[in-house]
Amino acid sequence: CEEAGGVWRQSTARSNYDNMFWSLLTTFQIMSAENWHQVMYTAVHNTGSHAIFFFVTALLVAHYMLMNLFLAAIMKTMEEMAQASGTAARSNPREGLTISPSGRLVIQDSLDSISS
């Protein structure tokens, strides 16, 4: 209270874009979805409702990128495991497949070559 002799101090929220350090930290916070909505509410309050577009877009892009990185790591691990066991994946997925005159799909590989 200023009437009681107190001094008003403008406090800055921890999540802000005032300098490079806090900008990177705030962006990481948004991308990790940790309390991102509070940062968005603060930005909307300070700048307007157009900030919602930035936050939703950043969140969707971040989650898409993280999902792709996660899937790429899984695929690489599975490929390395397949190469280590000697059953590498085919380069052409249609190799060994034919269609019979009756219109049925015929697999030409034997199960022995797949299981060994």
PDB file of N, CA and C in Angstrom:
ATOM      1  N   CYS A   1       0.832  -1.183   0.000  1.00  0.00           N
ATOM      2  CA  CYS A   1       0.000   0.000   0.000  1.00  0.00           C
ATOM      3  C   CYS A   1       0.877   1.247   0.000  1.00  0.00           C
ATOM      4  N   GLU A   2       0.635   2.087  -0.977  1.00  0.00           N
ATOM      5  CA  GLU A   2       1.420   3.314  -1.071  1.00  0.00           C
ATOM      6  C   GLU A   2       1.075   4.280   0.051  1.00  0.00           C
ATOM      7  N   GLU A   3      -0.179   4.240   0.547  1.00  0.00           N
ATOM      8  CA  GLU A   3      -0.558   5.150   1.641  1.00  0.00           C
ATOM      9  C   GLU A   3       0.214   4.848   2.912  1.00  0.00           C
ATOM     10  N   ALA A   4       0.590   3.597   3.106  1.00  0.00           N
ATOM     11  CA  ALA A   4       1.320   3.210   4.313  1.00  0.00           C
ATOM     12  C   ALA A   4       2.821   3.359   4.146  1.00  0.00           C
ATOM     13  N   GLY A   5       3.252   3.921   3.026  1.00  0.00           N
ATOM     14  CA  GLY A   5       4.681   4.148   2.818  1.00  0.00           C
ATOM     15  C   GLY A   5       5.357   3.054   2.025  1.00  0.00           C
ATOM     16  N   GLY A   6       4.592   2.116   1.517  1.00  0.00           N
ATOM     17  CA  GLY A   6       5.178   1.037   0.724  1.00  0.00           C
ATOM     18  C   GLY A   6       5.588   1.516  -0.652  1.00  0.00           C
ATOM     19  N   VAL A   7       6.523   0.849  -1.255  1.00  0.00           N
ATOM     20  CA  VAL A   7       7.012   1.181  -2.583  1.00  0.00           C
ATOM     21  C   VAL A   7       6.483   0.142  -3.567  1.00  0.00           C
ATOM     22  N   TRP A   8       5.884   0.653  -4.629  1.00  0.00           N
ATOM     23  CA  TRP A   8       5.356  -0.244  -5.649  1.00  0.00           C
ATOM     24  C   TRP A   8       6.496  -0.735  -6.537  1.00  0.00           C
ATOM     25  N   ARG A   9       6.646  -2.063  -6.615  1.00  0.00           N
ATOM     26  CA  ARG A   9       7.677  -2.654  -7.461  1.00  0.00           C
ATOM     27  C   ARG A   9       6.995  -3.440  -8.567  1.00  0.00           C
ATOM     28  N   GLN A  10       7.333  -3.080  -9.759  1.00  0.00           N
ATOM     29  CA  GLN A  10       6.787  -3.798 -10.906  1.00  0.00           C
ATOM     30  C   GLN A  10       7.523  -5.121 -11.014  1.00  0.00           C
ATOM     31  N   SER A  11       6.805  -6.190 -10.791  1.00  0.00           N
ATOM     32  CA  SER A  11       7.448  -7.501 -10.893  1.00  0.00           C
ATOM     33  C   SER A  11       7.211  -8.071 -12.282  1.00  0.00           C
ATOM     34  N   THR A  12       8.208  -8.710 -12.807  1.00  0.00           N
ATOM     35  CA  THR A  12       8.115  -9.343 -14.104  1.00  0.00           C
ATOM     36  C   THR A  12       7.904 -10.835 -13.883  1.00  0.00           C
ATOM     37  N   ALA A  13       6.985 -11.392 -14.626  1.00  0.00           N
ATOM     38  CA  ALA A  13       6.757 -12.830 -14.507  1.00  0.00           C
ATOM     39  C   ALA A  13       8.018 -13.578 -14.896  1.00  0.00           C
ATOM     40  N   ARG A  14       8.207 -14.731 -14.308  1.00  0.00           N
ATOM     41  CA  ARG A  14       9.401 -15.514 -14.595  1.00  0.00           C
ATOM     42  C   ARG A  14       9.456 -15.911 -16.072  1.00  0.00           C
ATOM     43  N   SER A  15       8.315 -16.236 -16.645  1.00  0.00           N
ATOM     44  CA  SER A  15       8.245 -16.614 -18.059  1.00  0.00           C
ATOM     45  C   SER A  15       7.956 -15.375 -18.884  1.00  0.00           C
ATOM     46  N   ASN A  16       8.983 -14.891 -19.583  1.00  0.00           N
ATOM     47  CA  ASN A  16       8.805 -13.688 -20.398  1.00  0.00           C
ATOM     48  C   ASN A  16       9.752 -13.728 -21.579  1.00  0.00           C
ATOM     49  N   TYR A  17       9.631 -12.751 -22.436  1.00  0.00           N
ATOM     50  CA  TYR A  17      10.490 -12.617 -23.614  1.00  0.00           C
ATOM     51  C   TYR A  17      11.282 -11.314 -23.558  1.00  0.00           C
ATOM     52  N   ASP A  18      11.700 -10.921 -22.356  1.00  0.00           N
ATOM     53  CA  ASP A  18      12.427  -9.660 -22.194  1.00  0.00           C
ATOM     54  C   ASP A  18      13.885  -9.750 -22.626  1.00  0.00           C
ATOM     55  N   ASN A  19      14.520 -10.896 -22.457  1.00  0.00           N
ATOM     56  CA  ASN A  19      15.898 -11.072 -22.915  1.00  0.00           C
ATOM     57  C   ASN A  19      16.067 -12.485 -23.474  1.00  0.00           C
ATOM     58  N   MET A  20      17.225 -12.771 -24.013  1.00  0.00           N
ATOM     59  CA  MET A  20      17.439 -14.029 -24.714  1.00  0.00           C
ATOM     60  C   MET A  20      17.337 -15.237 -23.787  1.00  0.00           C
ATOM     61  N   PHE A  21      17.890 -15.143 -22.592  1.00  0.00           N
ATOM     62  CA  PHE A  21      17.849 -16.266 -21.658  1.00  0.00           C
ATOM     63  C   PHE A  21      16.419 -16.633 -21.310  1.00  0.00           C
ATOM     64  N   TRP A  22      15.626 -15.650 -20.890  1.00  0.00           N
ATOM     65  CA  TRP A  22      14.247 -15.933 -20.498  1.00  0.00           C
ATOM     66  C   TRP A  22      13.400 -16.313 -21.709  1.00  0.00           C
ATOM     67  N   SER A  23      13.740 -15.801 -22.884  1.00  0.00           N
ATOM     68  CA  SER A  23      13.009 -16.189 -24.095  1.00  0.00           C
ATOM     69  C   SER A  23      13.203 -17.668 -24.396  1.00  0.00           C
ATOM     70  N   LEU A  24      14.455 -18.143 -24.323  1.00  0.00           N
ATOM     71  CA  LEU A  24      14.723 -19.554 -24.562  1.00  0.00           C
ATOM     72  C   LEU A  24      14.068 -20.434 -23.507  1.00  0.00           C
ATOM     73  N   LEU A  25      14.149 -20.009 -22.266  1.00  0.00           N
ATOM     74  CA  LEU A  25      13.547 -20.778 -21.181  1.00  0.00           C
ATOM     75  C   LEU A  25      12.026 -20.818 -21.307  1.00  0.00           C
ATOM     76  N   THR A  26      11.424 -19.712 -21.674  1.00  0.00           N
ATOM     77  CA  THR A  26       9.975 -19.658 -21.851  1.00  0.00           C
ATOM     78  C   THR A  26       9.534 -20.517 -23.030  1.00  0.00           C
ATOM     79  N   THR A  27      10.285 -20.465 -24.121  1.00  0.00           N
ATOM     80  CA  THR A  27       9.962 -21.290 -25.279  1.00  0.00           C
ATOM     81  C   THR A  27      10.097 -22.770 -24.939  1.00  0.00           C
ATOM     82  N   PHE A  28      11.126 -23.135 -24.178  1.00  0.00           N
ATOM     83  CA  PHE A  28      11.268 -24.524 -23.733  1.00  0.00           C
ATOM     84  C   PHE A  28      10.092 -24.926 -22.850  1.00  0.00           C
ATOM     85  N   GLN A  29       9.667 -24.033 -21.988  1.00  0.00           N
ATOM     86  CA  GLN A  29       8.526 -24.306 -21.117  1.00  0.00           C
ATOM     87  C   GLN A  29       7.261 -24.558 -21.938  1.00  0.00           C
ATOM     88  N   ILE A  30       7.057 -23.768 -22.974  1.00  0.00           N
ATOM     89  CA  ILE A  30       5.883 -23.944 -23.834  1.00  0.00           C
ATOM     90  C   ILE A  30       5.979 -25.273 -24.576  1.00  0.00           C
ATOM     91  N   MET A  31       7.152 -25.569 -25.127  1.00  0.00           N
ATOM     92  CA  MET A  31       7.311 -26.792 -25.914  1.00  0.00           C
ATOM     93  C   MET A  31       7.236 -28.047 -25.065  1.00  0.00           C
ATOM     94  N   SER A  32       7.596 -27.960 -23.806  1.00  0.00           N
ATOM     95  CA  SER A  32       7.483 -29.125 -22.930  1.00  0.00           C
ATOM     96  C   SER A  32       6.096 -29.221 -22.299  1.00  0.00           C
ATOM     97  N   ALA A  33       5.228 -28.253 -22.590  1.00  0.00           N
ATOM     98  CA  ALA A  33       3.835 -28.221 -22.110  1.00  0.00           C
ATOM     99  C   ALA A  33       3.761 -28.143 -20.585  1.00  0.00           C
ATOM    100  N   GLU A  34       4.742 -27.537 -19.986  1.00  0.00           N
ATOM    101  CA  GLU A  34       4.762 -27.373 -18.535  1.00  0.00           C
ATOM    102  C   GLU A  34       4.221 -25.992 -18.184  1.00  0.00           C
ATOM    103  N   ASN A  35       2.976 -25.948 -17.753  1.00  0.00           N
ATOM    104  CA  ASN A  35       2.328 -24.707 -17.325  1.00  0.00           C
ATOM    105  C   ASN A  35       2.286 -23.661 -18.452  1.00  0.00           C
ATOM    106  N   TRP A  36       2.181 -24.135 -19.690  1.00  0.00           N
ATOM    107  CA  TRP A  36       2.201 -23.246 -20.848  1.00  0.00           C
ATOM    108  C   TRP A  36       0.979 -22.350 -20.893  1.00  0.00           C
ATOM    109  N   HIS A  37      -0.127 -22.824 -20.367  1.00  0.00           N
ATOM    110  CA  HIS A  37      -1.351 -22.034 -20.436  1.00  0.00           C
ATOM    111  C   HIS A  37      -1.268 -20.778 -19.584  1.00  0.00           C
ATOM    112  N   GLN A  38      -0.537 -20.822 -18.474  1.00  0.00           N
ATOM    113  CA  GLN A  38      -0.367 -19.618 -17.660  1.00  0.00           C
ATOM    114  C   GLN A  38       0.469 -18.578 -18.407  1.00  0.00           C
ATOM    115  N   VAL A  39       1.477 -19.043 -19.132  1.00  0.00           N
ATOM    116  CA  VAL A  39       2.291 -18.135 -19.944  1.00  0.00           C
ATOM    117  C   VAL A  39       1.421 -17.521 -21.035  1.00  0.00           C
ATOM    118  N   MET A  40       0.549 -18.341 -21.639  1.00  0.00           N
ATOM    119  CA  MET A  40      -0.337 -17.842 -22.687  1.00  0.00           C
ATOM    120  C   MET A  40      -1.324 -16.814 -22.122  1.00  0.00           C
ATOM    121  N   TYR A  41      -1.898 -17.097 -20.961  1.00  0.00           N
ATOM    122  CA  TYR A  41      -2.830 -16.146 -20.359  1.00  0.00           C
ATOM    123  C   TYR A  41      -2.157 -14.813 -20.059  1.00  0.00           C
ATOM    124  N   THR A  42      -0.909 -14.864 -19.576  1.00  0.00           N
ATOM    125  CA  THR A  42      -0.170 -13.635 -19.305  1.00  0.00           C
ATOM    126  C   THR A  42       0.088 -12.866 -20.603  1.00  0.00           C
ATOM    127  N   ALA A  43       0.468 -13.590 -21.649  1.00  0.00           N
ATOM    128  CA  ALA A  43       0.724 -12.935 -22.936  1.00  0.00           C
ATOM    129  C   ALA A  43      -0.550 -12.347 -23.521  1.00  0.00           C
ATOM    130  N   VAL A  44      -1.662 -13.044 -23.405  1.00  0.00           N
ATOM    131  CA  VAL A  44      -2.936 -12.529 -23.914  1.00  0.00           C
ATOM    132  C   VAL A  44      -3.339 -11.287 -23.141  1.00  0.00           C
ATOM    133  N   HIS A  45      -3.134 -11.309 -21.837  1.00  0.00           N
ATOM    134  CA  HIS A  45      -3.460 -10.149 -21.008  1.00  0.00           C
ATOM    135  C   HIS A  45      -2.614  -8.936 -21.388  1.00  0.00           C
ATOM    136  N   ASN A  46      -1.336  -9.168 -21.692  1.00  0.00           N
ATOM    137  CA  ASN A  46      -0.419  -8.056 -21.991  1.00  0.00           C
ATOM    138  C   ASN A  46      -0.452  -7.601 -23.444  1.00  0.00           C
ATOM    139  N   THR A  47      -0.722  -8.519 -24.392  1.00  0.00           N
ATOM    140  CA  THR A  47      -0.608  -8.148 -25.798  1.00  0.00           C
ATOM    141  C   THR A  47      -1.900  -8.248 -26.587  1.00  0.00           C
ATOM    142  N   GLY A  48      -2.814  -9.083 -26.158  1.00  0.00           N
ATOM    143  CA  GLY A  48      -4.073  -9.245 -26.889  1.00  0.00           C
ATOM    144  C   GLY A  48      -4.306 -10.693 -27.275  1.00  0.00           C
ATOM    145  N   SER A  49      -5.480 -10.946 -27.828  1.00  0.00           N
ATOM    146  CA  SER A  49      -5.876 -12.323 -28.110  1.00  0.00           C
ATOM    147  C   SER A  49      -5.122 -12.957 -29.274  1.00  0.00           C
ATOM    148  N   HIS A  50      -4.421 -12.189 -30.075  1.00  0.00           N
ATOM    149  CA  HIS A  50      -3.653 -12.771 -31.180  1.00  0.00           C
ATOM    150  C   HIS A  50      -2.499 -13.626 -30.680  1.00  0.00           C
ATOM    151  N   ALA A  51      -2.124 -13.503 -29.422  1.00  0.00           N
ATOM    152  CA  ALA A  51      -1.041 -14.319 -28.862  1.00  0.00           C
ATOM    153  C   ALA A  51      -1.442 -15.788 -28.769  1.00  0.00           C
ATOM    154  N   ILE A  52      -2.732 -16.073 -28.737  1.00  0.00           N
ATOM    155  CA  ILE A  52      -3.201 -17.455 -28.666  1.00  0.00           C
ATOM    156  C   ILE A  52      -2.705 -18.234 -29.879  1.00  0.00           C
ATOM    157  N   PHE A  53      -2.738 -17.606 -31.051  1.00  0.00           N
ATOM    158  CA  PHE A  53      -2.278 -18.265 -32.280  1.00  0.00           C
ATOM    159  C   PHE A  53      -0.819 -18.706 -32.145  1.00  0.00           C
ATOM    160  N   PHE A  54       0.032 -17.835 -31.612  1.00  0.00           N
ATOM    161  CA  PHE A  54       1.447 -18.179 -31.433  1.00  0.00           C
ATOM    162  C   PHE A  54       1.607 -19.380 -30.508  1.00  0.00           C
ATOM    163  N   PHE A  55       0.918 -19.375 -29.382  1.00  0.00           N
ATOM    164  CA  PHE A  55       1.100 -20.433 -28.397  1.00  0.00           C
ATOM    165  C   PHE A  55       0.569 -21.775 -28.889  1.00  0.00           C
ATOM    166  N   VAL A  56      -0.578 -21.778 -29.505  1.00  0.00           N
ATOM    167  CA  VAL A  56      -1.134 -23.034 -29.999  1.00  0.00           C
ATOM    168  C   VAL A  56      -0.274 -23.577 -31.138  1.00  0.00           C
ATOM    169  N   THR A  57       0.174 -22.701 -32.032  1.00  0.00           N
ATOM    170  CA  THR A  57       1.037 -23.133 -33.133  1.00  0.00           C
ATOM    171  C   THR A  57       2.362 -23.668 -32.597  1.00  0.00           C
ATOM    172  N   ALA A  58       2.978 -22.973 -31.664  1.00  0.00           N
ATOM    173  CA  ALA A  58       4.255 -23.425 -31.092  1.00  0.00           C
ATOM    174  C   ALA A  58       4.093 -24.775 -30.405  1.00  0.00           C
ATOM    175  N   LEU A  59       3.010 -24.952 -29.693  1.00  0.00           N
ATOM    176  CA  LEU A  59       2.777 -26.214 -28.994  1.00  0.00           C
ATOM    177  C   LEU A  59       2.573 -27.359 -29.983  1.00  0.00           C
ATOM    178  N   LEU A  60       1.784 -27.146 -31.027  1.00  0.00           N
ATOM    179  CA  LEU A  60       1.551 -28.197 -32.008  1.00  0.00           C
ATOM    180  C   LEU A  60       2.818 -28.553 -32.772  1.00  0.00           C
ATOM    181  N   VAL A  61       3.574 -27.563 -33.189  1.00  0.00           N
ATOM    182  CA  VAL A  61       4.816 -27.817 -33.914  1.00  0.00           C
ATOM    183  C   VAL A  61       5.814 -28.546 -33.023  1.00  0.00           C
ATOM    184  N   ALA A  62       5.924 -28.133 -31.777  1.00  0.00           N
ATOM    185  CA  ALA A  62       6.867 -28.765 -30.856  1.00  0.00           C
ATOM    186  C   ALA A  62       6.508 -30.225 -30.618  1.00  0.00           C
ATOM    187  N   HIS A  63       5.240 -30.495 -30.406  1.00  0.00           N
ATOM    188  CA  HIS A  63       4.838 -31.877 -30.167  1.00  0.00           C
ATOM    189  C   HIS A  63       5.010 -32.731 -31.417  1.00  0.00           C
ATOM    190  N   TYR A  64       4.764 -32.170 -32.592  1.00  0.00           N
ATOM    191  CA  TYR A  64       4.979 -32.893 -33.842  1.00  0.00           C
ATOM    192  C   TYR A  64       6.463 -33.219 -34.012  1.00  0.00           C
ATOM    193  N   MET A  65       7.335 -32.251 -33.747  1.00  0.00           N
ATOM    194  CA  MET A  65       8.774 -32.477 -33.876  1.00  0.00           C
ATOM    195  C   MET A  65       9.259 -33.507 -32.863  1.00  0.00           C
ATOM    196  N   LEU A  66       8.811 -33.417 -31.624  1.00  0.00           N
ATOM    197  CA  LEU A  66       9.238 -34.372 -30.608  1.00  0.00           C
ATOM    198  C   LEU A  66       8.739 -35.777 -30.933  1.00  0.00           C
ATOM    199  N   MET A  67       7.523 -35.884 -31.451  1.00  0.00           N
ATOM    200  CA  MET A  67       6.998 -37.184 -31.832  1.00  0.00           C
ATOM    201  C   MET A  67       7.840 -37.778 -32.966  1.00  0.00           C
ATOM    202  N   ASN A  68       8.203 -36.967 -33.943  1.00  0.00           N
ATOM    203  CA  ASN A  68       9.033 -37.451 -35.043  1.00  0.00           C
ATOM    204  C   ASN A  68      10.417 -37.885 -34.566  1.00  0.00           C
ATOM    205  N   LEU A  69      11.010 -37.136 -33.642  1.00  0.00           N
ATOM    206  CA  LEU A  69      12.307 -37.534 -33.100  1.00  0.00           C
ATOM    207  C   LEU A  69      12.211 -38.854 -32.349  1.00  0.00           C
ATOM    208  N   PHE A  70      11.157 -39.004 -31.568  1.00  0.00           N
ATOM    209  CA  PHE A  70      10.945 -40.232 -30.806  1.00  0.00           C
ATOM    210  C   PHE A  70      10.757 -41.419 -31.744  1.00  0.00           C
ATOM    211  N   LEU A  71       9.924 -41.252 -32.772  1.00  0.00           N
ATOM    212  CA  LEU A  71       9.702 -42.337 -33.730  1.00  0.00           C
ATOM    213  C   LEU A  71      10.954 -42.650 -34.529  1.00  0.00           C
ATOM    214  N   ALA A  72      11.738 -41.641 -34.876  1.00  0.00           N
ATOM    215  CA  ALA A  72      12.983 -41.878 -35.598  1.00  0.00           C
ATOM    216  C   ALA A  72      13.960 -42.687 -34.748  1.00  0.00           C
ATOM    217  N   ALA A  73      14.028 -42.393 -33.468  1.00  0.00           N
ATOM    218  CA  ALA A  73      14.913 -43.150 -32.575  1.00  0.00           C
ATOM    219  C   ALA A  73      14.456 -44.599 -32.465  1.00  0.00           C
ATOM    220  N   ILE A  74      13.159 -44.817 -32.387  1.00  0.00           N
ATOM    221  CA  ILE A  74      12.636 -46.186 -32.315  1.00  0.00           C
ATOM    222  C   ILE A  74      12.935 -46.940 -33.608  1.00  0.00           C
ATOM    223  N   MET A  75      12.688 -46.281 -34.747  1.00  0.00           N
ATOM    224  CA  MET A  75      12.934 -46.937 -36.032  1.00  0.00           C
ATOM    225  C   MET A  75      14.411 -47.281 -36.212  1.00  0.00           C
ATOM    226  N   LYS A  76      15.296 -46.373 -35.802  1.00  0.00           N
ATOM    227  CA  LYS A  76      16.735 -46.632 -35.924  1.00  0.00           C
ATOM    228  C   LYS A  76      17.135 -47.815 -35.044  1.00  0.00           C
ATOM    229  N   THR A  77      16.607 -47.868 -33.835  1.00  0.00           N
ATOM    230  CA  THR A  77      16.919 -48.973 -32.935  1.00  0.00           C
ATOM    231  C   THR A  77      16.418 -50.294 -33.503  1.00  0.00           C
ATOM    232  N   MET A  78      15.201 -50.287 -34.048  1.00  0.00           N
ATOM    233  CA  MET A  78      14.661 -51.514 -34.633  1.00  0.00           C
ATOM    234  C   MET A  78      15.477 -51.958 -35.845  1.00  0.00           C
ATOM    235  N   GLU A  79      15.922 -50.997 -36.647  1.00  0.00           N
ATOM    236  CA  GLU A  79      16.745 -51.325 -37.813  1.00  0.00           C
ATOM    237  C   GLU A  79      18.079 -51.912 -37.390  1.00  0.00           C
ATOM    238  N   GLU A  80      18.694 -51.332 -36.362  1.00  0.00           N
ATOM    239  CA  GLU A  80      19.966 -51.864 -35.862  1.00  0.00           C
ATOM    240  C   GLU A  80      19.786 -53.259 -35.289  1.00  0.00           C
ATOM    241  N   MET A  81      18.681 -53.499 -34.602  1.00  0.00           N
ATOM    242  CA  MET A  81      18.416 -54.832 -34.047  1.00  0.00           C
ATOM    243  C   MET A  81      18.203 -55.845 -35.167  1.00  0.00           C
ATOM    244  N   ALA A  82      17.500 -55.429 -36.233  1.00  0.00           N
ATOM    245  CA  ALA A  82      17.265 -56.332 -37.358  1.00  0.00           C
ATOM    246  C   ALA A  82      18.572 -56.659 -38.073  1.00  0.00           C
ATOM    247  N   GLN A  83      19.437 -55.676 -38.236  1.00  0.00           N
ATOM    248  CA  GLN A  83      20.726 -55.927 -38.887  1.00  0.00           C
ATOM    249  C   GLN A  83      21.616 -56.803 -38.022  1.00  0.00           C
ATOM    250  N   ALA A  84      21.545 -56.630 -36.713  1.00  0.00           N
ATOM    251  CA  ALA A  84      22.357 -57.442 -35.808  1.00  0.00           C
ATOM    252  C   ALA A  84      21.903 -58.902 -35.819  1.00  0.00           C
ATOM    253  N   SER A  85      20.607 -59.129 -35.988  1.00  0.00           N
ATOM    254  CA  SER A  85      20.107 -60.503 -36.005  1.00  0.00           C
ATOM    255  C   SER A  85      20.170 -61.122 -37.389  1.00  0.00           C
ATOM    256  N   GLY A  86      20.530 -60.324 -38.414  1.00  0.00           N
ATOM    257  CA  GLY A  86      20.687 -60.854 -39.756  1.00  0.00           C
ATOM    258  C   GLY A  86      19.410 -60.872 -40.571  1.00  0.00           C
ATOM    259  N   THR A  87      18.353 -60.297 -40.088  1.00  0.00           N
ATOM    260  CA  THR A  87      17.092 -60.265 -40.841  1.00  0.00           C
ATOM    261  C   THR A  87      16.795 -58.832 -41.220  1.00  0.00           C
ATOM    262  N   ALA A  88      17.595 -58.304 -42.111  1.00  0.00           N
ATOM    263  CA  ALA A  88      17.399 -56.913 -42.534  1.00  0.00           C
ATOM    264  C   ALA A  88      16.101 -56.778 -43.306  1.00  0.00           C
ATOM    265  N   ALA A  89      15.493 -55.638 -43.192  1.00  0.00           N
ATOM    266  CA  ALA A  89      14.240 -55.376 -43.896  1.00  0.00           C
ATOM    267  C   ALA A  89      14.504 -55.272 -45.389  1.00  0.00           C
ATOM    268  N   ARG A  90      13.512 -55.631 -46.168  1.00  0.00           N
ATOM    269  CA  ARG A  90      13.637 -55.552 -47.621  1.00  0.00           C
ATOM    270  C   ARG A  90      13.666 -54.103 -48.067  1.00  0.00           C
ATOM    271  N   SER A  91      14.432 -53.850 -49.120  1.00  0.00           N
ATOM    272  CA  SER A  91      14.439 -52.500 -49.661  1.00  0.00           C
ATOM    273  C   SER A  91      13.184 -52.244 -50.476  1.00  0.00           C
ATOM    274  N   ASN A  92      12.616 -53.281 -51.087  1.00  0.00           N
ATOM    275  CA  ASN A  92      11.398 -53.152 -51.877  1.00  0.00           C
ATOM    276  C   ASN A  92      10.300 -53.963 -51.185  1.00  0.00           C
ATOM    277  N   PRO A  93       9.275 -53.327 -50.641  1.00  0.00           N
ATOM    278  CA  PRO A  93       8.247 -54.081 -49.912  1.00  0.00           C
ATOM    279  C   PRO A  93       7.414 -54.986 -50.803  1.00  0.00           C
ATOM    280  N   ARG A  94       7.421 -54.752 -52.126  1.00  0.00           N
ATOM    281  CA  ARG A  94       6.627 -55.593 -53.033  1.00  0.00           C
ATOM    282  C   ARG A  94       7.416 -56.791 -53.554  1.00  0.00           C
ATOM    283  N   GLU A  95       8.660 -56.900 -53.180  1.00  0.00           N
ATOM    284  CA  GLU A  95       9.499 -57.998 -53.640  1.00  0.00           C
ATOM    285  C   GLU A  95       8.944 -59.308 -53.084  1.00  0.00           C
ATOM    286  N   GLY A  96       8.782 -60.298 -53.954  1.00  0.00           N
ATOM    287  CA  GLY A  96       8.276 -61.589 -53.514  1.00  0.00           C
ATOM    288  C   GLY A  96       6.763 -61.697 -53.548  1.00  0.00           C
ATOM    289  N   LEU A  97       6.069 -60.684 -54.033  1.00  0.00           N
ATOM    290  CA  LEU A  97       4.616 -60.717 -54.119  1.00  0.00           C
ATOM    291  C   LEU A  97       4.192 -60.765 -55.578  1.00  0.00           C
ATOM    292  N   THR A  98       3.268 -61.661 -55.884  1.00  0.00           N
ATOM    293  CA  THR A  98       2.693 -61.724 -57.229  1.00  0.00           C
ATOM    294  C   THR A  98       1.192 -61.903 -57.119  1.00  0.00           C
ATOM    295  N   ILE A  99       0.506 -61.660 -58.217  1.00  0.00           N
ATOM    296  CA  ILE A  99      -0.935 -61.859 -58.261  1.00  0.00           C
ATOM    297  C   ILE A  99      -1.203 -63.025 -59.197  1.00  0.00           C
ATOM    298  N   SER A 100      -1.923 -64.017 -58.686  1.00  0.00           N
ATOM    299  CA  SER A 100      -2.238 -65.208 -59.482  1.00  0.00           C
ATOM    300  C   SER A 100      -3.284 -64.863 -60.534  1.00  0.00           C
ATOM    301  N   PRO A 101      -3.445 -65.741 -61.544  1.00  0.00           N
ATOM    302  CA  PRO A 101      -4.465 -65.488 -62.562  1.00  0.00           C
ATOM    303  C   PRO A 101      -5.877 -65.375 -61.988  1.00  0.00           C
ATOM    304  N   SER A 102      -6.115 -65.989 -60.841  1.00  0.00           N
ATOM    305  CA  SER A 102      -7.444 -65.893 -60.230  1.00  0.00           C
ATOM    306  C   SER A 102      -7.617 -64.587 -59.453  1.00  0.00           C
ATOM    307  N   GLY A 103      -6.561 -63.773 -59.369  1.00  0.00           N
ATOM    308  CA  GLY A 103      -6.649 -62.477 -58.699  1.00  0.00           C
ATOM    309  C   GLY A 103      -6.237 -62.494 -57.243  1.00  0.00           C
ATOM    310  N   ARG A 104      -5.664 -63.606 -56.775  1.00  0.00           N
ATOM    311  CA  ARG A 104      -5.235 -63.699 -55.377  1.00  0.00           C
ATOM    312  C   ARG A 104      -3.778 -63.276 -55.237  1.00  0.00           C
ATOM    313  N   LEU A 105      -3.458 -62.737 -54.074  1.00  0.00           N
ATOM    314  CA  LEU A 105      -2.096 -62.322 -53.781  1.00  0.00           C
ATOM    315  C   LEU A 105      -1.297 -63.534 -53.337  1.00  0.00           C
ATOM    316  N   VAL A 106      -0.149 -63.753 -53.969  1.00  0.00           N
ATOM    317  CA  VAL A 106       0.685 -64.909 -53.657  1.00  0.00           C
ATOM    318  C   VAL A 106       2.012 -64.400 -53.116  1.00  0.00           C
ATOM    319  N   ILE A 107       2.388 -64.899 -51.948  1.00  0.00           N
ATOM    320  CA  ILE A 107       3.676 -64.559 -51.344  1.00  0.00           C
ATOM    321  C   ILE A 107       4.653 -65.640 -51.727  1.00  0.00           C
ATOM    322  N   GLN A 108       5.755 -65.275 -52.384  1.00  0.00           N
ATOM    323  CA  GLN A 108       6.693 -66.271 -52.915  1.00  0.00           C
ATOM    324  C   GLN A 108       7.762 -66.666 -51.908  1.00  0.00           C
ATOM    325  N   ASP A 109       7.970 -65.885 -50.857  1.00  0.00           N
ATOM    326  CA  ASP A 109       8.984 -66.246 -49.864  1.00  0.00           C
ATOM    327  C   ASP A 109       8.474 -67.387 -49.008  1.00  0.00           C
ATOM    328  N   SER A 110       9.388 -68.193 -48.529  1.00  0.00           N
ATOM    329  CA  SER A 110       9.000 -69.221 -47.567  1.00  0.00           C
ATOM    330  C   SER A 110       9.229 -68.676 -46.174  1.00  0.00           C
ATOM    331  N   LEU A 111       8.513 -69.209 -45.219  1.00  0.00           N
ATOM    332  CA  LEU A 111       8.651 -68.739 -43.835  1.00  0.00           C
ATOM    333  C   LEU A 111      10.007 -69.103 -43.255  1.00  0.00           C
ATOM    334  N   ASP A 112      10.689 -70.120 -43.821  1.00  0.00           N
ATOM    335  CA  ASP A 112      11.995 -70.503 -43.323  1.00  0.00           C
ATOM    336  C   ASP A 112      13.019 -69.397 -43.512  1.00  0.00           C
ATOM    337  N   SER A 113      12.950 -68.673 -44.636  1.00  0.00           N
ATOM    338  CA  SER A 113      13.925 -67.607 -44.875  1.00  0.00           C
ATOM    339  C   SER A 113      13.669 -66.397 -43.994  1.00  0.00           C
ATOM    340  N   ILE A 114      12.437 -66.206 -43.556  1.00  0.00           N
ATOM    341  CA  ILE A 114      12.118 -65.068 -42.681  1.00  0.00           C
ATOM    342  C   ILE A 114      12.524 -65.363 -41.251  1.00  0.00           C
ATOM    343  N   SER A 115      12.299 -66.600 -40.783  1.00  0.00           N
ATOM    344  CA  SER A 115      12.573 -66.916 -39.378  1.00  0.00           C
ATOM    345  C   SER A 115      14.035 -67.163 -39.102  1.00  0.00           C
ATOM    346  N   SER A 116      14.863 -67.431 -40.101  1.00  0.00           N
ATOM    347  CA  SER A 116      16.275 -67.716 -39.849  1.00  0.00           C
ATOM    348  C   SER A 116      17.123 -66.483 -39.798  1.00  0.00           C
TER     349      SER A 116
END
